[in-house]
Structure formats: C-alpha cells, structure tokens
Amino acid sequence: LSFAPSPIKNNNLATLRIHQSSSSSHASSVVLHAGGFEWEDPTSDEADPGVENPYKNPDLLQSTGDGGDDDDGSSLKVDPARLLSPRLRGCNLYFIGMMGSGKSTVGDLVARRMGTYNFLDTDTILERAAGMSIPEVFETEGEEAFRVAEAQVLDSVHAHVRIVVSTGGGLVMRNQNWSKLQTGLVVYLKVDPEVIMKRIEGTDRPLLQTENPLETLKQLMEERKERYEAADVTVEIEEGMSVEDVADKCIRALHDFIDDNPPAWKQAKAKAQADGLDWVQ
C-alpha cells in the first residue's frame, strides 16, 4: 500500500510566509530573506506576542460568586485556548495515545478553540488516500503496509505549521515517526485500559481481534509505554470526564509546559536584562 498524498488545500497550512502577531500595534516587523522566502525573525521584540499564561494572570480572572470553574471561585474572562495559539508561535501539537483515548475528539476541540490552528487526523487522511477503512487496510494489505502508509501520511503533514494532529496509536513506535513528532509538542492522553475497552466495545479494532482483547490491549500499552511517557505533556484522563474537561486539562498543561520550558533566546534575553545589558536588536 502506497500513495502520493495530495497537497493540503488550506491557505493557513500551505503559506510560505509565517506571520507573527506583534504585541504593539505601533511596532513594525522586520522581514528577512532566506532561501528565496520571506520570513520574520521569531526572536525579535516585534515578533514576540507577549502573551503570558492566563491561569497565572489575575487580570484575566473574574469572580463568579457561585464557585466558578476553579476551586477559588474564579473563571477566565477569555478562553485560554485563544491565548495558547500565540504562545506556541506556529508550533504543531501532536496527540498520541492508545486507540480509544480520545485523540481525535479532543484534538479537534482544542484546535477549534484555539481559532488559528487546523486539525488533522492521520487515520482519516490514510483512509481517504487508500480508499478503504483502517480494518480493511489491515485485512487486505497487512499491518506492515499500514505502518508504511501511516509514516507517509505523517511525512505529508508534519512540515506544515499551526496544526493539531491526532496520530494512530502505534505510530510512535517507529523512530522515523517519533523524530518528526519532535518538531512540535507531543501530548499523551493517558487512559486506563478498562476505560478504553468500555469506549471501543463493539468496534472492529484490528489489533484487538483476539480471544482476550483486554489482555491484548494491556500488552500493547506496555510495549508503547516508554515512548508514550516520553511525551512533552501527559494528561491523565479519568472515567466520566467530558471532552471539554479533557480539552481544558490539555490546554492548561500546555500553558504550564511553555512556562517551564522557555526558548533559549528568551532565557538569554531575560538574563541579559537582569544583568543590565541591552538586548541586541
């Protein structure tokens, strides 16, 4: 099974010039040239959106008086997902995890709430390109052919920016795939196998067509555990959590991750300013 993926027909994804919003309406961005393309220096002050973690900004909180969404009785005036987009600076989000963990549903909701990001599902792209469902691919072509096609799909999407991508459960096991995921932020949706079995009961998951599907699922999780847990962000999902609850948890975890892992240039800039030095423009 092999195919040549067609270009993604979306101007936001196919654009060659990545525009970074300015934190000041009076600041003009400096357009540079490299390899024949225009681009804007992401380390410049003009390109820095200056958006902080909304969960740590009291100006974005208002008292609800009725308990609110948070333990302290406060709720956000703005959707934190909207403020996540500029903080990511075009960096892609990749959702990984076992089948039935909710990668597609949660990823789609996160992308829609962010507003400037698009959502892609590698399984959906593969099915459309192959002209058959995933179970049919496994039955007619075998798992190895499916994994090859899956890698081709990832090749076709990972070079784009501002996308949220839901990946197949086993995609992470190939080193060539994992290296591509490292170009963005990886979010692992961690769900207990018993909960997953309840979710996918009655479906025709190819890898679970065994005498003991639950035991097979546990074995697969154990095989993939090391790679899953190497994700940038791990979000543990409990039974009964709604899609909105999981999306909220992902968005907050991503904001916190960005706080804890600032880019090297921002650390250097902060150190220079702390030492009383002028930041080189």
C-alpha atoms as a PDB file:
ATOM      1  CA  LEU A   1       0.000   0.000   0.000  1.00  0.00           C
ATOM      2  CA  SER A   2       1.497   3.276  -1.090  1.00  0.00           C
ATOM      3  CA  PHE A   3       0.191   6.624  -2.147  1.00  0.00           C
ATOM      4  CA  ALA A   4       1.274  10.131  -3.003  1.00  0.00           C
ATOM      5  CA  PRO A   5      -0.597  12.471  -0.659  1.00  0.00           C
ATOM      6  CA  SER A   6      -2.169  15.460  -2.346  1.00  0.00           C
ATOM      7  CA  PRO A   7      -1.340  18.937  -1.056  1.00  0.00           C
ATOM      8  CA  ILE A   8      -3.476  20.088   1.827  1.00  0.00           C
ATOM      9  CA  LYS A   9      -5.846  22.659   0.419  1.00  0.00           C
ATOM     10  CA  ASN A  10      -5.716  25.222   3.156  1.00  0.00           C
ATOM     11  CA  ASN A  11      -4.080  28.588   2.835  1.00  0.00           C
ATOM     12  CA  ASN A  12      -3.280  28.690   6.517  1.00  0.00           C
ATOM     13  CA  LEU A  13      -1.291  25.465   6.216  1.00  0.00           C
ATOM     14  CA  ALA A  14       0.337  25.988   2.851  1.00  0.00           C
ATOM     15  CA  THR A  15       1.512  29.548   3.436  1.00  0.00           C
ATOM     16  CA  LEU A  16       5.211  30.152   2.922  1.00  0.00           C
ATOM     17  CA  ARG A  17       5.299  33.329   4.945  1.00  0.00           C
ATOM     18  CA  ILE A  18       4.645  32.812   8.626  1.00  0.00           C
ATOM     19  CA  HIS A  19       3.263  35.955  10.204  1.00  0.00           C
ATOM     20  CA  GLN A  20       3.831  36.537  13.905  1.00  0.00           C
ATOM     21  CA  SER A  21       1.429  38.983  15.513  1.00  0.00           C
ATOM     22  CA  SER A  22       3.008  41.960  17.238  1.00  0.00           C
ATOM     23  CA  SER A  23       2.380  42.864  20.846  1.00  0.00           C
ATOM     24  CA  SER A  24       2.242  46.504  19.843  1.00  0.00           C
ATOM     25  CA  SER A  25       0.166  47.983  17.059  1.00  0.00           C
ATOM     26  CA  HIS A  26       2.885  50.599  16.507  1.00  0.00           C
ATOM     27  CA  ALA A  27       5.714  48.099  16.047  1.00  0.00           C
ATOM     28  CA  SER A  28       6.617  47.038  12.546  1.00  0.00           C
ATOM     29  CA  SER A  29       8.007  43.585  11.908  1.00  0.00           C
ATOM     30  CA  VAL A  30      11.299  43.167  10.124  1.00  0.00           C
ATOM     31  CA  VAL A  31      11.020  40.882   7.116  1.00  0.00           C
ATOM     32  CA  LEU A  32      14.180  38.915   6.381  1.00  0.00           C
ATOM     33  CA  HIS A  33      15.042  36.727   3.430  1.00  0.00           C
ATOM     34  CA  ALA A  34      16.401  33.188   3.469  1.00  0.00           C
ATOM     35  CA  GLY A  35      16.438  30.613   0.723  1.00  0.00           C
ATOM     36  CA  GLY A  36      14.347  32.850  -1.509  1.00  0.00           C
ATOM     37  CA  PHE A  37      11.486  33.110   1.001  1.00  0.00           C
ATOM     38  CA  GLU A  38      10.392  35.921   3.267  1.00  0.00           C
ATOM     39  CA  TRP A  39      10.253  35.251   6.973  1.00  0.00           C
ATOM     40  CA  GLU A  40      10.137  37.189  10.211  1.00  0.00           C
ATOM     41  CA  ASP A  41      12.702  36.716  12.947  1.00  0.00           C
ATOM     42  CA  PRO A  42      10.865  34.921  15.796  1.00  0.00           C
ATOM     43  CA  THR A  43      13.416  36.235  18.335  1.00  0.00           C
ATOM     44  CA  SER A  44      12.745  39.907  17.635  1.00  0.00           C
ATOM     45  CA  ASP A  45      10.811  42.019  20.138  1.00  0.00           C
ATOM     46  CA  GLU A  46       8.339  42.936  17.410  1.00  0.00           C
ATOM     47  CA  ALA A  47       7.576  39.275  16.775  1.00  0.00           C
ATOM     48  CA  ASP A  48       7.107  38.401  20.457  1.00  0.00           C
ATOM     49  CA  PRO A  49       3.346  38.381  21.106  1.00  0.00           C
ATOM     50  CA  GLY A  50       3.963  38.996  24.802  1.00  0.00           C
ATOM     51  CA  VAL A  51       1.170  36.640  25.876  1.00  0.00           C
ATOM     52  CA  GLU A  52       1.521  35.027  29.276  1.00  0.00           C
ATOM     53  CA  ASN A  53      -0.108  32.072  30.986  1.00  0.00           C
ATOM     54  CA  PRO A  54      -3.730  33.181  31.516  1.00  0.00           C
ATOM     55  CA  TYR A  55      -4.102  30.878  34.510  1.00  0.00           C
ATOM     56  CA  LYS A  56      -1.411  32.905  36.299  1.00  0.00           C
ATOM     57  CA  ASN A  57      -2.660  36.340  35.251  1.00  0.00           C
ATOM     58  CA  PRO A  58      -5.139  37.832  37.753  1.00  0.00           C
ATOM     59  CA  ASP A  59      -6.195  40.441  35.174  1.00  0.00           C
ATOM     60  CA  LEU A  60      -7.829  37.660  33.183  1.00  0.00           C
ATOM     61  CA  LEU A  61      -9.781  36.341  36.152  1.00  0.00           C
ATOM     62  CA  GLN A  62     -13.140  37.499  37.387  1.00  0.00           C
ATOM     63  CA  SER A  63     -15.087  36.440  40.456  1.00  0.00           C
ATOM     64  CA  THR A  64     -18.160  34.376  39.619  1.00  0.00           C
ATOM     65  CA  GLY A  65     -19.549  34.297  43.136  1.00  0.00           C
ATOM     66  CA  ASP A  66     -21.038  30.838  42.608  1.00  0.00           C
ATOM     67  CA  GLY A  67     -17.990  28.635  42.882  1.00  0.00           C
ATOM     68  CA  GLY A  68     -16.992  29.147  39.260  1.00  0.00           C
ATOM     69  CA  ASP A  69     -14.945  26.772  37.219  1.00  0.00           C
ATOM     70  CA  ASP A  70     -11.938  26.819  39.525  1.00  0.00           C
ATOM     71  CA  ASP A  71     -11.516  25.907  43.165  1.00  0.00           C
ATOM     72  CA  ASP A  72     -11.007  29.553  44.143  1.00  0.00           C
ATOM     73  CA  GLY A  73     -14.351  30.632  42.690  1.00  0.00           C
ATOM     74  CA  SER A  74     -12.862  32.317  39.639  1.00  0.00           C
ATOM     75  CA  SER A  75     -13.317  31.738  35.948  1.00  0.00           C
ATOM     76  CA  LEU A  76     -11.414  33.067  32.969  1.00  0.00           C
ATOM     77  CA  LYS A  77     -12.765  36.047  31.028  1.00  0.00           C
ATOM     78  CA  VAL A  78     -11.195  34.671  27.854  1.00  0.00           C
ATOM     79  CA  ASP A  79     -10.757  31.132  26.548  1.00  0.00           C
ATOM     80  CA  PRO A  80      -7.189  30.098  27.478  1.00  0.00           C
ATOM     81  CA  ALA A  81      -7.017  28.201  24.185  1.00  0.00           C
ATOM     82  CA  ARG A  82      -7.139  31.504  22.294  1.00  0.00           C
ATOM     83  CA  LEU A  83      -4.081  32.660  24.194  1.00  0.00           C
ATOM     84  CA  LEU A  84      -2.301  29.350  23.658  1.00  0.00           C
ATOM     85  CA  SER A  85      -2.055  29.890  19.923  1.00  0.00           C
ATOM     86  CA  PRO A  86       0.276  32.930  20.006  1.00  0.00           C
ATOM     87  CA  ARG A  87       2.384  31.331  22.731  1.00  0.00           C
ATOM     88  CA  LEU A  88       3.002  28.306  20.509  1.00  0.00           C
ATOM     89  CA  ARG A  89       4.283  30.566  17.687  1.00  0.00           C
ATOM     90  CA  GLY A  90       3.127  28.173  14.992  1.00  0.00           C
ATOM     91  CA  CYS A  91       4.479  25.057  16.729  1.00  0.00           C
ATOM     92  CA  ASN A  92       2.369  21.983  15.955  1.00  0.00           C
ATOM     93  CA  LEU A  93       0.590  19.863  18.558  1.00  0.00           C
ATOM     94  CA  TYR A  94       0.650  16.079  18.216  1.00  0.00           C
ATOM     95  CA  PHE A  95      -1.778  13.969  20.245  1.00  0.00           C
ATOM     96  CA  ILE A  96      -0.603  10.435  20.959  1.00  0.00           C
ATOM     97  CA  GLY A  97      -2.047   7.562  22.969  1.00  0.00           C
ATOM     98  CA  MET A  98      -3.865   4.274  22.688  1.00  0.00           C
ATOM     99  CA  MET A  99      -6.855   3.627  20.483  1.00  0.00           C
ATOM    100  CA  GLY A 100      -9.988   4.968  22.120  1.00  0.00           C
ATOM    101  CA  SER A 101      -8.138   7.517  24.239  1.00  0.00           C
ATOM    102  CA  GLY A 102      -9.965  10.397  22.554  1.00  0.00           C
ATOM    103  CA  LYS A 103      -7.132  11.862  20.483  1.00  0.00           C
ATOM    104  CA  SER A 104      -9.326  12.816  17.523  1.00  0.00           C
ATOM    105  CA  THR A 105     -12.232  14.241  19.520  1.00  0.00           C
ATOM    106  CA  VAL A 106     -10.067  16.177  21.960  1.00  0.00           C
ATOM    107  CA  GLY A 107      -7.601  17.336  19.318  1.00  0.00           C
ATOM    108  CA  ASP A 108     -10.389  18.659  17.114  1.00  0.00           C
ATOM    109  CA  LEU A 109     -11.935  20.584  20.012  1.00  0.00           C
ATOM    110  CA  VAL A 110      -8.597  22.076  21.068  1.00  0.00           C
ATOM    111  CA  ALA A 111      -7.900  23.241  17.504  1.00  0.00           C
ATOM    112  CA  ARG A 112     -11.352  24.818  17.138  1.00  0.00           C
ATOM    113  CA  ARG A 113     -10.999  26.625  20.455  1.00  0.00           C
ATOM    114  CA  MET A 114      -7.555  27.929  19.507  1.00  0.00           C
ATOM    115  CA  GLY A 115      -9.072  29.539  16.435  1.00  0.00           C
ATOM    116  CA  THR A 116      -5.932  29.884  14.308  1.00  0.00           C
ATOM    117  CA  TYR A 117      -4.975  26.203  14.237  1.00  0.00           C
ATOM    118  CA  ASN A 118      -6.325  23.474  11.954  1.00  0.00           C
ATOM    119  CA  PHE A 119      -6.998  19.864  12.910  1.00  0.00           C
ATOM    120  CA  LEU A 120      -5.772  16.795  11.027  1.00  0.00           C
ATOM    121  CA  ASP A 121      -6.286  13.101  11.789  1.00  0.00           C
ATOM    122  CA  THR A 122      -3.651  10.782  10.306  1.00  0.00           C
ATOM    123  CA  ASP A 123      -6.036   7.823  10.280  1.00  0.00           C
ATOM    124  CA  THR A 124      -8.687   9.801   8.398  1.00  0.00           C
ATOM    125  CA  ILE A 125      -6.147  11.020   5.840  1.00  0.00           C
ATOM    126  CA  LEU A 126      -4.877   7.467   5.352  1.00  0.00           C
ATOM    127  CA  GLU A 127      -8.382   6.073   4.853  1.00  0.00           C
ATOM    128  CA  ARG A 128      -9.218   8.696   2.249  1.00  0.00           C
ATOM    129  CA  ALA A 129      -5.953   8.149   0.393  1.00  0.00           C
ATOM    130  CA  ALA A 130      -6.260   4.350   0.474  1.00  0.00           C
ATOM    131  CA  GLY A 131      -9.974   4.341  -0.346  1.00  0.00           C
ATOM    132  CA  MET A 132     -10.723   1.897   2.453  1.00  0.00           C
ATOM    133  CA  SER A 133     -11.139   1.800   6.222  1.00  0.00           C
ATOM    134  CA  ILE A 134      -8.300   1.021   8.635  1.00  0.00           C
ATOM    135  CA  PRO A 135      -9.660  -2.502   9.358  1.00  0.00           C
ATOM    136  CA  GLU A 136      -9.852  -3.128   5.585  1.00  0.00           C
ATOM    137  CA  VAL A 137      -6.256  -1.978   5.155  1.00  0.00           C
ATOM    138  CA  PHE A 138      -5.133  -4.413   7.842  1.00  0.00           C
ATOM    139  CA  GLU A 139      -7.155  -7.238   6.291  1.00  0.00           C
ATOM    140  CA  THR A 140      -6.122  -6.741   2.675  1.00  0.00           C
ATOM    141  CA  GLU A 141      -2.613  -5.298   2.983  1.00  0.00           C
ATOM    142  CA  GLY A 142      -1.400  -6.297   6.438  1.00  0.00           C
ATOM    143  CA  GLU A 143      -0.081  -4.288   9.379  1.00  0.00           C
ATOM    144  CA  GLU A 144       3.338  -3.604   7.856  1.00  0.00           C
ATOM    145  CA  ALA A 145       1.796  -1.965   4.789  1.00  0.00           C
ATOM    146  CA  PHE A 146      -0.426   0.076   7.078  1.00  0.00           C
ATOM    147  CA  ARG A 147       2.582   1.296   9.091  1.00  0.00           C
ATOM    148  CA  VAL A 148       4.398   2.322   5.907  1.00  0.00           C
ATOM    149  CA  ALA A 149       1.370   4.266   4.685  1.00  0.00           C
ATOM    150  CA  GLU A 150       0.953   5.790   8.143  1.00  0.00           C
ATOM    151  CA  ALA A 151       4.530   7.081   8.020  1.00  0.00           C
ATOM    152  CA  GLN A 152       3.865   8.570   4.575  1.00  0.00           C
ATOM    153  CA  VAL A 153       0.874  10.439   5.944  1.00  0.00           C
ATOM    154  CA  LEU A 154       2.974  11.890   8.761  1.00  0.00           C
ATOM    155  CA  ASP A 155       5.579  12.928   6.188  1.00  0.00           C
ATOM    156  CA  SER A 156       2.891  14.850   4.332  1.00  0.00           C
ATOM    157  CA  VAL A 157       1.631  16.831   7.319  1.00  0.00           C
ATOM    158  CA  HIS A 158       4.482  17.429   9.757  1.00  0.00           C
ATOM    159  CA  ALA A 159       6.162  20.132   7.658  1.00  0.00           C
ATOM    160  CA  HIS A 160       3.131  22.394   7.970  1.00  0.00           C
ATOM    161  CA  VAL A 161       2.618  24.827  10.830  1.00  0.00           C
ATOM    162  CA  ARG A 162      -0.282  25.736  13.098  1.00  0.00           C
ATOM    163  CA  ILE A 163      -1.909  22.309  13.087  1.00  0.00           C
ATOM    164  CA  VAL A 164      -3.189  19.942  15.758  1.00  0.00           C
ATOM    165  CA  VAL A 165      -2.597  16.343  14.690  1.00  0.00           C
ATOM    166  CA  SER A 166      -4.230  13.185  16.013  1.00  0.00           C
ATOM    167  CA  THR A 167      -1.994  10.182  15.387  1.00  0.00           C
ATOM    168  CA  GLY A 168      -2.557   6.441  15.274  1.00  0.00           C
ATOM    169  CA  GLY A 169      -1.831   4.565  18.480  1.00  0.00           C
ATOM    170  CA  GLY A 170       1.178   2.674  17.134  1.00  0.00           C
ATOM    171  CA  LEU A 171       2.682   5.480  15.057  1.00  0.00           C
ATOM    172  CA  VAL A 172       5.099   6.434  17.830  1.00  0.00           C
ATOM    173  CA  MET A 173       6.910   3.087  17.713  1.00  0.00           C
ATOM    174  CA  ARG A 174       8.837   3.889  14.541  1.00  0.00           C
ATOM    175  CA  ASN A 175      11.876   6.078  15.179  1.00  0.00           C
ATOM    176  CA  GLN A 176      11.390   7.962  11.918  1.00  0.00           C
ATOM    177  CA  ASN A 177       7.904   8.939  13.045  1.00  0.00           C
ATOM    178  CA  TRP A 178       8.980   9.878  16.557  1.00  0.00           C
ATOM    179  CA  SER A 179      11.681  12.196  15.203  1.00  0.00           C
ATOM    180  CA  LYS A 180       9.055  14.081  13.193  1.00  0.00           C
ATOM    181  CA  LEU A 181       6.799  14.430  16.233  1.00  0.00           C
ATOM    182  CA  GLN A 182       9.719  16.123  17.997  1.00  0.00           C
ATOM    183  CA  THR A 183       9.352  19.100  15.660  1.00  0.00           C
ATOM    184  CA  GLY A 184       6.243  20.025  17.677  1.00  0.00           C
ATOM    185  CA  LEU A 185       4.817  19.488  21.150  1.00  0.00           C
ATOM    186  CA  VAL A 186       3.619  15.973  21.943  1.00  0.00           C
ATOM    187  CA  VAL A 187       0.581  15.445  24.180  1.00  0.00           C
ATOM    188  CA  TYR A 188      -0.072  11.971  25.587  1.00  0.00           C
ATOM    189  CA  LEU A 189      -3.649  11.169  26.554  1.00  0.00           C
ATOM    190  CA  LYS A 190      -3.293   8.514  29.235  1.00  0.00           C
ATOM    191  CA  VAL A 191      -6.375   6.354  29.826  1.00  0.00           C
ATOM    192  CA  ASP A 192      -6.731   3.121  31.799  1.00  0.00           C
ATOM    193  CA  PRO A 193      -7.222   0.040  29.582  1.00  0.00           C
ATOM    194  CA  GLU A 194     -10.512  -0.848  31.284  1.00  0.00           C
ATOM    195  CA  VAL A 195     -11.918   2.565  30.397  1.00  0.00           C
ATOM    196  CA  ILE A 196     -10.715   2.223  26.815  1.00  0.00           C
ATOM    197  CA  MET A 197     -12.410  -1.162  26.459  1.00  0.00           C
ATOM    198  CA  LYS A 198     -15.717   0.356  27.524  1.00  0.00           C
ATOM    199  CA  ARG A 199     -15.309   3.082  24.917  1.00  0.00           C
ATOM    200  CA  ILE A 200     -14.445   0.846  21.983  1.00  0.00           C
ATOM    201  CA  GLU A 201     -16.749  -2.057  22.786  1.00  0.00           C
ATOM    202  CA  GLY A 202     -18.438  -3.258  19.624  1.00  0.00           C
ATOM    203  CA  THR A 203     -15.873  -1.763  17.247  1.00  0.00           C
ATOM    204  CA  ASP A 204     -13.649  -3.732  14.887  1.00  0.00           C
ATOM    205  CA  ARG A 205     -10.199  -2.653  16.054  1.00  0.00           C
ATOM    206  CA  PRO A 206      -7.794  -4.844  14.042  1.00  0.00           C
ATOM    207  CA  LEU A 207      -5.218  -5.371  16.793  1.00  0.00           C
ATOM    208  CA  LEU A 208      -7.853  -6.464  19.313  1.00  0.00           C
ATOM    209  CA  GLN A 209      -9.348  -9.333  17.323  1.00  0.00           C
ATOM    210  CA  THR A 210      -8.079 -11.847  19.887  1.00  0.00           C
ATOM    211  CA  GLU A 211      -9.554 -14.220  22.471  1.00  0.00           C
ATOM    212  CA  ASN A 212      -8.810 -11.727  25.254  1.00  0.00           C
ATOM    213  CA  PRO A 213      -8.955  -8.149  23.873  1.00  0.00           C
ATOM    214  CA  LEU A 214      -8.355  -6.523  27.262  1.00  0.00           C
ATOM    215  CA  GLU A 215      -5.180  -8.520  27.844  1.00  0.00           C
ATOM    216  CA  THR A 216      -4.020  -7.704  24.310  1.00  0.00           C
ATOM    217  CA  LEU A 217      -4.686  -4.019  24.940  1.00  0.00           C
ATOM    218  CA  LYS A 218      -2.650  -4.118  28.136  1.00  0.00           C
ATOM    219  CA  GLN A 219       0.235  -5.769  26.299  1.00  0.00           C
ATOM    220  CA  LEU A 220       0.162  -3.102  23.598  1.00  0.00           C
ATOM    221  CA  MET A 221       0.151  -0.356  26.228  1.00  0.00           C
ATOM    222  CA  GLU A 222       3.137  -1.916  27.953  1.00  0.00           C
ATOM    223  CA  GLU A 223       5.051  -2.147  24.659  1.00  0.00           C
ATOM    224  CA  ARG A 224       4.382   1.521  23.908  1.00  0.00           C
ATOM    225  CA  LYS A 225       4.651   2.835  27.465  1.00  0.00           C
ATOM    226  CA  GLU A 226       8.226   4.110  27.240  1.00  0.00           C
ATOM    227  CA  ARG A 227       7.559   6.077  24.075  1.00  0.00           C
ATOM    228  CA  TYR A 228       4.210   7.419  25.265  1.00  0.00           C
ATOM    229  CA  GLU A 229       5.704   8.641  28.528  1.00  0.00           C
ATOM    230  CA  ALA A 230       8.441  10.494  26.641  1.00  0.00           C
ATOM    231  CA  ALA A 231       5.785  12.993  25.501  1.00  0.00           C
ATOM    232  CA  ASP A 232       6.202  16.663  26.415  1.00  0.00           C
ATOM    233  CA  VAL A 233       2.856  16.696  28.210  1.00  0.00           C
ATOM    234  CA  THR A 234       0.961  13.808  29.785  1.00  0.00           C
ATOM    235  CA  VAL A 235      -2.731  14.280  30.523  1.00  0.00           C
ATOM    236  CA  GLU A 236      -4.343  11.610  32.682  1.00  0.00           C
ATOM    237  CA  ILE A 237      -7.983  11.019  31.816  1.00  0.00           C
ATOM    238  CA  GLU A 238     -10.389   9.601  34.350  1.00  0.00           C
ATOM    239  CA  GLU A 239     -13.595   7.773  33.609  1.00  0.00           C
ATOM    240  CA  GLY A 240     -16.516  10.150  33.359  1.00  0.00           C
ATOM    241  CA  MET A 241     -14.517  13.171  32.182  1.00  0.00           C
ATOM    242  CA  SER A 242     -16.191  15.030  29.328  1.00  0.00           C
ATOM    243  CA  VAL A 243     -14.408  16.016  26.138  1.00  0.00           C
ATOM    244  CA  GLU A 244     -14.500  19.634  27.315  1.00  0.00           C
ATOM    245  CA  ASP A 245     -12.897  18.658  30.628  1.00  0.00           C
ATOM    246  CA  VAL A 246     -10.072  16.820  28.870  1.00  0.00           C
ATOM    247  CA  ALA A 247      -9.518  19.706  26.444  1.00  0.00           C
ATOM    248  CA  ASP A 248      -9.354  22.151  29.361  1.00  0.00           C
ATOM    249  CA  LYS A 249      -6.804  19.945  31.103  1.00  0.00           C
ATOM    250  CA  CYS A 250      -4.678  19.721  27.939  1.00  0.00           C
ATOM    251  CA  ILE A 251      -4.745  23.481  27.385  1.00  0.00           C
ATOM    252  CA  ARG A 252      -3.730  24.238  30.955  1.00  0.00           C
ATOM    253  CA  ALA A 253      -0.952  21.637  30.848  1.00  0.00           C
ATOM    254  CA  LEU A 254       0.398  23.158  27.628  1.00  0.00           C
ATOM    255  CA  HIS A 255       0.423  26.664  29.106  1.00  0.00           C
ATOM    256  CA  ASP A 256       2.332  25.342  32.115  1.00  0.00           C
ATOM    257  CA  PHE A 257       4.766  23.450  29.879  1.00  0.00           C
ATOM    258  CA  ILE A 258       5.561  26.617  27.926  1.00  0.00           C
ATOM    259  CA  ASP A 259       6.218  28.445  31.214  1.00  0.00           C
ATOM    260  CA  ASP A 260       8.547  25.693  32.415  1.00  0.00           C
ATOM    261  CA  ASN A 261      10.394  25.393  29.103  1.00  0.00           C
ATOM    262  CA  PRO A 262      11.025  28.865  27.648  1.00  0.00           C
ATOM    263  CA  PRO A 263      13.017  29.001  24.386  1.00  0.00           C
ATOM    264  CA  ALA A 264      16.768  29.528  24.720  1.00  0.00           C
ATOM    265  CA  TRP A 265      16.647  33.006  23.198  1.00  0.00           C
ATOM    266  CA  LYS A 266      14.085  34.145  25.757  1.00  0.00           C
ATOM    267  CA  GLN A 267      16.223  32.826  28.620  1.00  0.00           C
ATOM    268  CA  ALA A 268      19.261  34.637  27.225  1.00  0.00           C
ATOM    269  CA  LYS A 269      17.261  37.837  26.823  1.00  0.00           C
ATOM    270  CA  ALA A 270      15.979  37.675  30.406  1.00  0.00           C
ATOM    271  CA  LYS A 271      19.498  37.080  31.730  1.00  0.00           C
ATOM    272  CA  ALA A 272      20.892  39.992  29.723  1.00  0.00           C
ATOM    273  CA  GLN A 273      18.189  42.315  31.019  1.00  0.00           C
ATOM    274  CA  ALA A 274      18.742  41.103  34.582  1.00  0.00           C
ATOM    275  CA  ASP A 275      22.439  41.935  34.178  1.00  0.00           C
ATOM    276  CA  GLY A 276      21.562  45.413  32.968  1.00  0.00           C
ATOM    277  CA  LEU A 277      22.647  44.757  29.390  1.00  0.00           C
ATOM    278  CA  ASP A 278      20.862  45.977  26.307  1.00  0.00           C
ATOM    279  CA  TRP A 279      19.316  43.160  24.301  1.00  0.00           C
ATOM    280  CA  VAL A 280      20.868  43.049  20.830  1.00  0.00           C
ATOM    281  CA  GLN A 281      18.228  44.024  18.279  1.00  0.00           C
END
